PDB file of N, CA and C in Angstrom:
ATOM      1  N   MET A   1     -33.918   2.951  -1.680  1.00  0.00           N
ATOM      2  CA  MET A   1     -33.252   3.784  -0.683  1.00  0.00           C
ATOM      3  C   MET A   1     -32.958   2.979   0.589  1.00  0.00           C
ATOM      4  N   LEU A   2     -33.906   2.145   0.983  1.00  0.00           N
ATOM      5  CA  LEU A   2     -33.717   1.357   2.190  1.00  0.00           C
ATOM      6  C   LEU A   2     -32.578   0.344   2.023  1.00  0.00           C
ATOM      7  N   SER A   3     -32.454  -0.249   0.841  1.00  0.00           N
ATOM      8  CA  SER A   3     -31.362  -1.197   0.605  1.00  0.00           C
ATOM      9  C   SER A   3     -29.998  -0.492   0.633  1.00  0.00           C
ATOM     10  N   GLU A   4     -29.933   0.728   0.129  1.00  0.00           N
ATOM     11  CA  GLU A   4     -28.680   1.494   0.188  1.00  0.00           C
ATOM     12  C   GLU A   4     -28.321   1.842   1.620  1.00  0.00           C
ATOM     13  N   LEU A   5     -29.325   2.162   2.438  1.00  0.00           N
ATOM     14  CA  LEU A   5     -29.052   2.464   3.836  1.00  0.00           C
ATOM     15  C   LEU A   5     -28.549   1.229   4.581  1.00  0.00           C
ATOM     16  N   LYS A   6     -29.079   0.058   4.249  1.00  0.00           N
ATOM     17  CA  LYS A   6     -28.607  -1.170   4.893  1.00  0.00           C
ATOM     18  C   LYS A   6     -27.157  -1.464   4.505  1.00  0.00           C
ATOM     19  N   LYS A   7     -26.790  -1.151   3.250  1.00  0.00           N
ATOM     20  CA  LYS A   7     -25.404  -1.335   2.834  1.00  0.00           C
ATOM     21  C   LYS A   7     -24.477  -0.383   3.592  1.00  0.00           C
ATOM     22  N   MET A   8     -24.932   0.829   3.799  1.00  0.00           N
ATOM     23  CA  MET A   8     -24.112   1.841   4.474  1.00  0.00           C
ATOM     24  C   MET A   8     -24.050   1.616   5.981  1.00  0.00           C
ATOM     25  N   GLU A   9     -24.951   0.822   6.516  1.00  0.00           N
ATOM     26  CA  GLU A   9     -25.011   0.607   7.957  1.00  0.00           C
ATOM     27  C   GLU A   9     -23.732  -0.060   8.475  1.00  0.00           C
ATOM     28  N   ASN A  10     -23.101  -0.902   7.668  1.00  0.00           N
ATOM     29  CA  ASN A  10     -21.851  -1.542   8.083  1.00  0.00           C
ATOM     30  C   ASN A  10     -20.730  -0.530   8.246  1.00  0.00           C
ATOM     31  N   ASN A  11     -20.751   0.534   7.457  1.00  0.00           N
ATOM     32  CA  ASN A  11     -19.690   1.538   7.500  1.00  0.00           C
ATOM     33  C   ASN A  11     -19.951   2.636   8.517  1.00  0.00           C
ATOM     34  N   PHE A  12     -21.093   2.595   9.155  1.00  0.00           N
ATOM     35  CA  PHE A  12     -21.452   3.651  10.108  1.00  0.00           C
ATOM     36  C   PHE A  12     -20.517   3.620  11.315  1.00  0.00           C
ATOM     37  N   ASP A  13     -20.076   4.769  11.734  1.00  0.00           N
ATOM     38  CA  ASP A  13     -19.228   4.962  12.902  1.00  0.00           C
ATOM     39  C   ASP A  13     -17.832   4.357  12.724  1.00  0.00           C
ATOM     40  N   THR A  14     -17.371   4.202  11.498  1.00  0.00           N
ATOM     41  CA  THR A  14     -15.996   3.748  11.259  1.00  0.00           C
ATOM     42  C   THR A  14     -15.163   4.839  10.607  1.00  0.00           C
ATOM     43  N   HIS A  15     -15.733   6.016  10.405  1.00  0.00           N
ATOM     44  CA  HIS A  15     -15.006   7.107   9.769  1.00  0.00           C
ATOM     45  C   HIS A  15     -13.914   7.620  10.700  1.00  0.00           C
ATOM     46  N   ILE A  16     -12.734   7.841  10.153  1.00  0.00           N
ATOM     47  CA  ILE A  16     -11.618   8.385  10.923  1.00  0.00           C
ATOM     48  C   ILE A  16     -11.339   9.793  10.402  1.00  0.00           C
ATOM     49  N   ASN A  17     -11.392  10.757  11.296  1.00  0.00           N
ATOM     50  CA  ASN A  17     -11.137  12.140  10.869  1.00  0.00           C
ATOM     51  C   ASN A  17      -9.632  12.402  10.841  1.00  0.00           C
ATOM     52  N   GLY A  18      -9.276  13.588  10.442  1.00  0.00           N
ATOM     53  CA  GLY A  18      -7.863  13.941  10.278  1.00  0.00           C
ATOM     54  C   GLY A  18      -7.075  13.858  11.563  1.00  0.00           C
ATOM     55  N   GLN A  19      -7.680  14.291  12.667  1.00  0.00           N
ATOM     56  CA  GLN A  19      -6.987  14.248  13.960  1.00  0.00           C
ATOM     57  C   GLN A  19      -6.664  12.807  14.360  1.00  0.00           C
ATOM     58  N   GLU A  20      -7.600  11.903  14.166  1.00  0.00           N
ATOM     59  CA  GLU A  20      -7.355  10.502  14.509  1.00  0.00           C
ATOM     60  C   GLU A  20      -6.269   9.895  13.622  1.00  0.00           C
ATOM     61  N   ARG A  21      -6.250  10.264  12.355  1.00  0.00           N
ATOM     62  CA  ARG A  21      -5.207   9.760  11.456  1.00  0.00           C
ATOM     63  C   ARG A  21      -3.832  10.201  11.920  1.00  0.00           C
ATOM     64  N   ILE A  22      -3.721  11.472  12.299  1.00  0.00           N
ATOM     65  CA  ILE A  22      -2.432  11.992  12.772  1.00  0.00           C
ATOM     66  C   ILE A  22      -2.013  11.279  14.046  1.00  0.00           C
ATOM     67  N   GLU A  23      -2.956  11.089  14.976  1.00  0.00           N
ATOM     68  CA  GLU A  23      -2.624  10.408  16.223  1.00  0.00           C
ATOM     69  C   GLU A  23      -2.218   8.959  15.971  1.00  0.00           C
ATOM     70  N   ASN A  24      -2.916   8.285  15.073  1.00  0.00           N
ATOM     71  CA  ASN A  24      -2.546   6.908  14.745  1.00  0.00           C
ATOM     72  C   ASN A  24      -1.164   6.836  14.127  1.00  0.00           C
ATOM     73  N   ARG A  25      -0.850   7.796  13.245  1.00  0.00           N
ATOM     74  CA  ARG A  25       0.466   7.822  12.614  1.00  0.00           C
ATOM     75  C   ARG A  25       1.558   8.081  13.643  1.00  0.00           C
ATOM     76  N   GLU A  26       1.312   9.023  14.571  1.00  0.00           N
ATOM     77  CA  GLU A  26       2.304   9.314  15.609  1.00  0.00           C
ATOM     78  C   GLU A  26       2.503   8.118  16.527  1.00  0.00           C
ATOM     79  N   ASN A  27       1.416   7.430  16.868  1.00  0.00           N
ATOM     80  CA  ASN A  27       1.549   6.242  17.720  1.00  0.00           C
ATOM     81  C   ASN A  27       2.322   5.142  17.013  1.00  0.00           C
ATOM     82  N   CYS A  28       2.102   5.004  15.729  1.00  0.00           N
ATOM     83  CA  CYS A  28       2.838   4.003  14.956  1.00  0.00           C
ATOM     84  C   CYS A  28       4.329   4.328  14.939  1.00  0.00           C
ATOM     85  N   ILE A  29       4.667   5.587  14.730  1.00  0.00           N
ATOM     86  CA  ILE A  29       6.073   6.000  14.724  1.00  0.00           C
ATOM     87  C   ILE A  29       6.707   5.757  16.086  1.00  0.00           C
ATOM     88  N   LEU A  30       5.960   6.060  17.160  1.00  0.00           N
ATOM     89  CA  LEU A  30       6.496   5.814  18.500  1.00  0.00           C
ATOM     90  C   LEU A  30       6.718   4.328  18.751  1.00  0.00           C
ATOM     91  N   ARG A  31       5.795   3.496  18.276  1.00  0.00           N
ATOM     92  CA  ARG A  31       5.976   2.055  18.454  1.00  0.00           C
ATOM     93  C   ARG A  31       7.199   1.560  17.690  1.00  0.00           C
ATOM     94  N   LEU A  32       7.432   2.111  16.499  1.00  0.00           N
ATOM     95  CA  LEU A  32       8.585   1.686  15.713  1.00  0.00           C
ATOM     96  C   LEU A  32       9.899   2.131  16.337  1.00  0.00           C
ATOM     97  N   THR A  33       9.915   3.340  16.929  1.00  0.00           N
ATOM     98  CA  THR A  33      11.159   3.837  17.512  1.00  0.00           C
ATOM     99  C   THR A  33      11.410   3.247  18.890  1.00  0.00           C
ATOM    100  N   PHE A  34      10.392   2.684  19.529  1.00  0.00           N
ATOM    101  CA  PHE A  34      10.551   2.154  20.877  1.00  0.00           C
ATOM    102  C   PHE A  34      10.865   0.667  20.858  1.00  0.00           C
ATOM    103  N   LYS A  35      11.541   0.216  19.834  1.00  0.00           N
ATOM    104  CA  LYS A  35      11.975  -1.174  19.817  1.00  0.00           C
ATOM    105  C   LYS A  35      13.109  -1.342  20.811  1.00  0.00           C
ATOM    106  N   GLY A  36      13.240  -2.547  21.306  1.00  0.00           N
ATOM    107  CA  GLY A  36      14.332  -2.822  22.235  1.00  0.00           C
ATOM    108  C   GLY A  36      15.665  -2.753  21.526  1.00  0.00           C
ATOM    109  N   LEU A  37      16.715  -2.643  22.289  1.00  0.00           N
ATOM    110  CA  LEU A  37      18.048  -2.527  21.704  1.00  0.00           C
ATOM    111  C   LEU A  37      18.508  -3.838  21.085  1.00  0.00           C
ATOM    112  N   ASP A  38      17.902  -4.961  21.506  1.00  0.00           N
ATOM    113  CA  ASP A  38      18.336  -6.248  20.978  1.00  0.00           C
ATOM    114  C   ASP A  38      17.723  -6.565  19.623  1.00  0.00           C
ATOM    115  N   THR A  39      16.724  -5.793  19.191  1.00  0.00           N
ATOM    116  CA  THR A  39      16.109  -6.052  17.884  1.00  0.00           C
ATOM    117  C   THR A  39      16.839  -5.272  16.804  1.00  0.00           C
ATOM    118  N   GLU A  40      16.882  -5.821  15.626  1.00  0.00           N
ATOM    119  CA  GLU A  40      17.549  -5.180  14.501  1.00  0.00           C
ATOM    120  C   GLU A  40      16.485  -4.610  13.572  1.00  0.00           C
ATOM    121  N   SER A  41      16.514  -3.301  13.378  1.00  0.00           N
ATOM    122  CA  SER A  41      15.511  -2.683  12.517  1.00  0.00           C
ATOM    123  C   SER A  41      15.953  -2.775  11.063  1.00  0.00           C
ATOM    124  N   LYS A  42      15.005  -2.863  10.181  1.00  0.00           N
ATOM    125  CA  LYS A  42      15.277  -2.987   8.755  1.00  0.00           C
ATOM    126  C   LYS A  42      14.870  -1.690   8.058  1.00  0.00           C
ATOM    127  N   ASN A  43      15.697  -0.673   8.173  1.00  0.00           N
ATOM    128  CA  ASN A  43      15.430   0.538   7.424  1.00  0.00           C
ATOM    129  C   ASN A  43      16.390   0.610   6.241  1.00  0.00           C
ATOM    130  N   LEU A  44      16.193   1.579   5.392  1.00  0.00           N
ATOM    131  CA  LEU A  44      16.961   1.673   4.155  1.00  0.00           C
ATOM    132  C   LEU A  44      18.456   1.828   4.419  1.00  0.00           C
ATOM    133  N   ARG A  45      18.807   2.596   5.432  1.00  0.00           N
ATOM    134  CA  ARG A  45      20.223   2.835   5.723  1.00  0.00           C
ATOM    135  C   ARG A  45      20.924   1.552   6.169  1.00  0.00           C
ATOM    136  N   SER A  46      20.280   0.795   7.053  1.00  0.00           N
ATOM    137  CA  SER A  46      20.915  -0.434   7.527  1.00  0.00           C
ATOM    138  C   SER A  46      21.006  -1.469   6.414  1.00  0.00           C
ATOM    139  N   ILE A  47      20.025  -1.506   5.529  1.00  0.00           N
ATOM    140  CA  ILE A  47      20.067  -2.447   4.406  1.00  0.00           C
ATOM    141  C   ILE A  47      21.210  -2.090   3.460  1.00  0.00           C
ATOM    142  N   LYS A  48      21.386  -0.796   3.179  1.00  0.00           N
ATOM    143  CA  LYS A  48      22.482  -0.366   2.307  1.00  0.00           C
ATOM    144  C   LYS A  48      23.837  -0.674   2.934  1.00  0.00           C
ATOM    145  N   GLU A  49      23.975  -0.410   4.232  1.00  0.00           N
ATOM    146  CA  GLU A  49      25.242  -0.697   4.904  1.00  0.00           C
ATOM    147  C   GLU A  49      25.555  -2.189   4.866  1.00  0.00           C
ATOM    148  N   LYS A  50      24.545  -3.020   5.065  1.00  0.00           N
ATOM    149  CA  LYS A  50      24.750  -4.465   5.021  1.00  0.00           C
ATOM    150  C   LYS A  50      25.170  -4.914   3.627  1.00  0.00           C
ATOM    151  N   ARG A  51      24.530  -4.367   2.598  1.00  0.00           N
ATOM    152  CA  ARG A  51      24.890  -4.733   1.223  1.00  0.00           C
ATOM    153  C   ARG A  51      26.310  -4.305   0.888  1.00  0.00           C
ATOM    154  N   VAL A  52      26.725  -3.127   1.346  1.00  0.00           N
ATOM    155  CA  VAL A  52      28.089  -2.647   1.085  1.00  0.00           C
ATOM    156  C   VAL A  52      29.097  -3.554   1.787  1.00  0.00           C
ATOM    157  N   ARG A  53      28.817  -3.916   3.050  1.00  0.00           N
ATOM    158  CA  ARG A  53      29.723  -4.813   3.763  1.00  0.00           C
ATOM    159  C   ARG A  53      29.834  -6.159   3.064  1.00  0.00           C
ATOM    160  N   GLU A  54      28.689  -6.711   2.627  1.00  0.00           N
ATOM    161  CA  GLU A  54      28.712  -7.995   1.931  1.00  0.00           C
ATOM    162  C   GLU A  54      29.496  -7.903   0.618  1.00  0.00           C
ATOM    163  N   MET A  55      29.322  -6.791  -0.109  1.00  0.00           N
ATOM    164  CA  MET A  55      30.025  -6.613  -1.373  1.00  0.00           C
ATOM    165  C   MET A  55      31.526  -6.488  -1.153  1.00  0.00           C
ATOM    166  N   ILE A  56      31.932  -5.740  -0.128  1.00  0.00           N
ATOM    167  CA  ILE A  56      33.358  -5.580   0.166  1.00  0.00           C
ATOM    168  C   ILE A  56      33.963  -6.916   0.572  1.00  0.00           C
ATOM    169  N   ASP A  57      33.260  -7.668   1.408  1.00  0.00           N
ATOM    170  CA  ASP A  57      33.762  -8.983   1.810  1.00  0.00           C
ATOM    171  C   ASP A  57      33.885  -9.915   0.615  1.00  0.00           C
ATOM    172  N   ASP A  58      32.898  -9.891  -0.274  1.00  0.00           N
ATOM    173  CA  ASP A  58      32.921 -10.752  -1.448  1.00  0.00           C
ATOM    174  C   ASP A  58      34.070 -10.382  -2.381  1.00  0.00           C
ATOM    175  N   MET A  59      34.259  -9.087  -2.629  1.00  0.00           N
ATOM    176  CA  MET A  59      35.335  -8.650  -3.512  1.00  0.00           C
ATOM    177  C   MET A  59      36.707  -8.927  -2.887  1.00  0.00           C
ATOM    178  N   THR A  60      36.815  -8.778  -1.569  1.00  0.00           N
ATOM    179  CA  THR A  60      38.068  -9.083  -0.888  1.00  0.00           C
ATOM    180  C   THR A  60      38.379 -10.571  -1.002  1.00  0.00           C
ATOM    181  N   TYR A  61      37.368 -11.401  -0.874  1.00  0.00           N
ATOM    182  CA  TYR A  61      37.560 -12.848  -1.004  1.00  0.00           C
ATOM    183  C   TYR A  61      37.985 -13.211  -2.424  1.00  0.00           C
ATOM    184  N   LYS A  62      37.357 -12.587  -3.421  1.00  0.00           N
ATOM    185  CA  LYS A  62      37.657 -12.920  -4.814  1.00  0.00           C
ATOM    186  C   LYS A  62      39.000 -12.374  -5.273  1.00  0.00           C
ATOM    187  N   PHE A  63      39.298 -11.118  -4.954  1.00  0.00           N
ATOM    188  CA  PHE A  63      40.454 -10.439  -5.538  1.00  0.00           C
ATOM    189  C   PHE A  63      41.544 -10.107  -4.544  1.00  0.00           C
ATOM    190  N   GLY A  64      41.376 -10.382  -3.278  1.00  0.00           N
ATOM    191  CA  GLY A  64      42.399 -10.098  -2.281  1.00  0.00           C
ATOM    192  C   GLY A  64      42.302  -8.672  -1.763  1.00  0.00           C
ATOM    193  N   ASP A  65      43.313  -8.262  -0.987  1.00  0.00           N
ATOM    194  CA  ASP A  65      43.325  -6.938  -0.372  1.00  0.00           C
ATOM    195  C   ASP A  65      44.047  -5.918  -1.235  1.00  0.00           C
ATOM    196  N   GLN A  66      43.983  -6.040  -2.520  1.00  0.00           N
ATOM    197  CA  GLN A  66      44.677  -5.116  -3.417  1.00  0.00           C
ATOM    198  C   GLN A  66      43.817  -3.869  -3.605  1.00  0.00           C
ATOM    199  N   VAL A  67      44.496  -2.736  -3.605  1.00  0.00           N
ATOM    200  CA  VAL A  67      43.825  -1.476  -3.869  1.00  0.00           C
ATOM    201  C   VAL A  67      44.353  -0.968  -5.206  1.00  0.00           C
ATOM    202  N   LEU A  68      43.590  -1.170  -6.226  1.00  0.00           N
ATOM    203  CA  LEU A  68      43.966  -0.741  -7.571  1.00  0.00           C
ATOM    204  C   LEU A  68      42.852   0.104  -8.157  1.00  0.00           C
ATOM    205  N   GLY A  69      43.188   0.912  -9.133  1.00  0.00           N
ATOM    206  CA  GLY A  69      42.173   1.709  -9.800  1.00  0.00           C
ATOM    207  C   GLY A  69      42.658   3.104 -10.022  1.00  0.00           C
ATOM    208  N   VAL A  70      41.763   3.953 -10.413  1.00  0.00           N
ATOM    209  CA  VAL A  70      42.092   5.331 -10.749  1.00  0.00           C
ATOM    210  C   VAL A  70      42.585   6.074  -9.510  1.00  0.00           C
ATOM    211  N   HIS A  71      41.927   5.889  -8.392  1.00  0.00           N
ATOM    212  CA  HIS A  71      42.286   6.633  -7.172  1.00  0.00           C
ATOM    213  C   HIS A  71      43.191   5.831  -6.252  1.00  0.00           C
ATOM    214  N   GLY A  72      43.507   4.577  -6.604  1.00  0.00           N
ATOM    215  CA  GLY A  72      44.182   3.697  -5.652  1.00  0.00           C
ATOM    216  C   GLY A  72      45.654   3.802  -5.621  1.00  0.00           C
TER     217      GLY A  72
END
């Protein structure tokens, strides 16, 4: 029993309750949203927009400015 208590002694007073978890999560979100305007954030929307722009530029370079297809 004493050896188990010594093992648990390292974990004593490190428990985070639900309120602390919520506060930590909110602080993290605030830190992420409070980036300066000069920094570029890497979220899913910006990554998709960048990939679409790169794909359009690549296809324009390969095939020109032609609009062909079913709807074109």
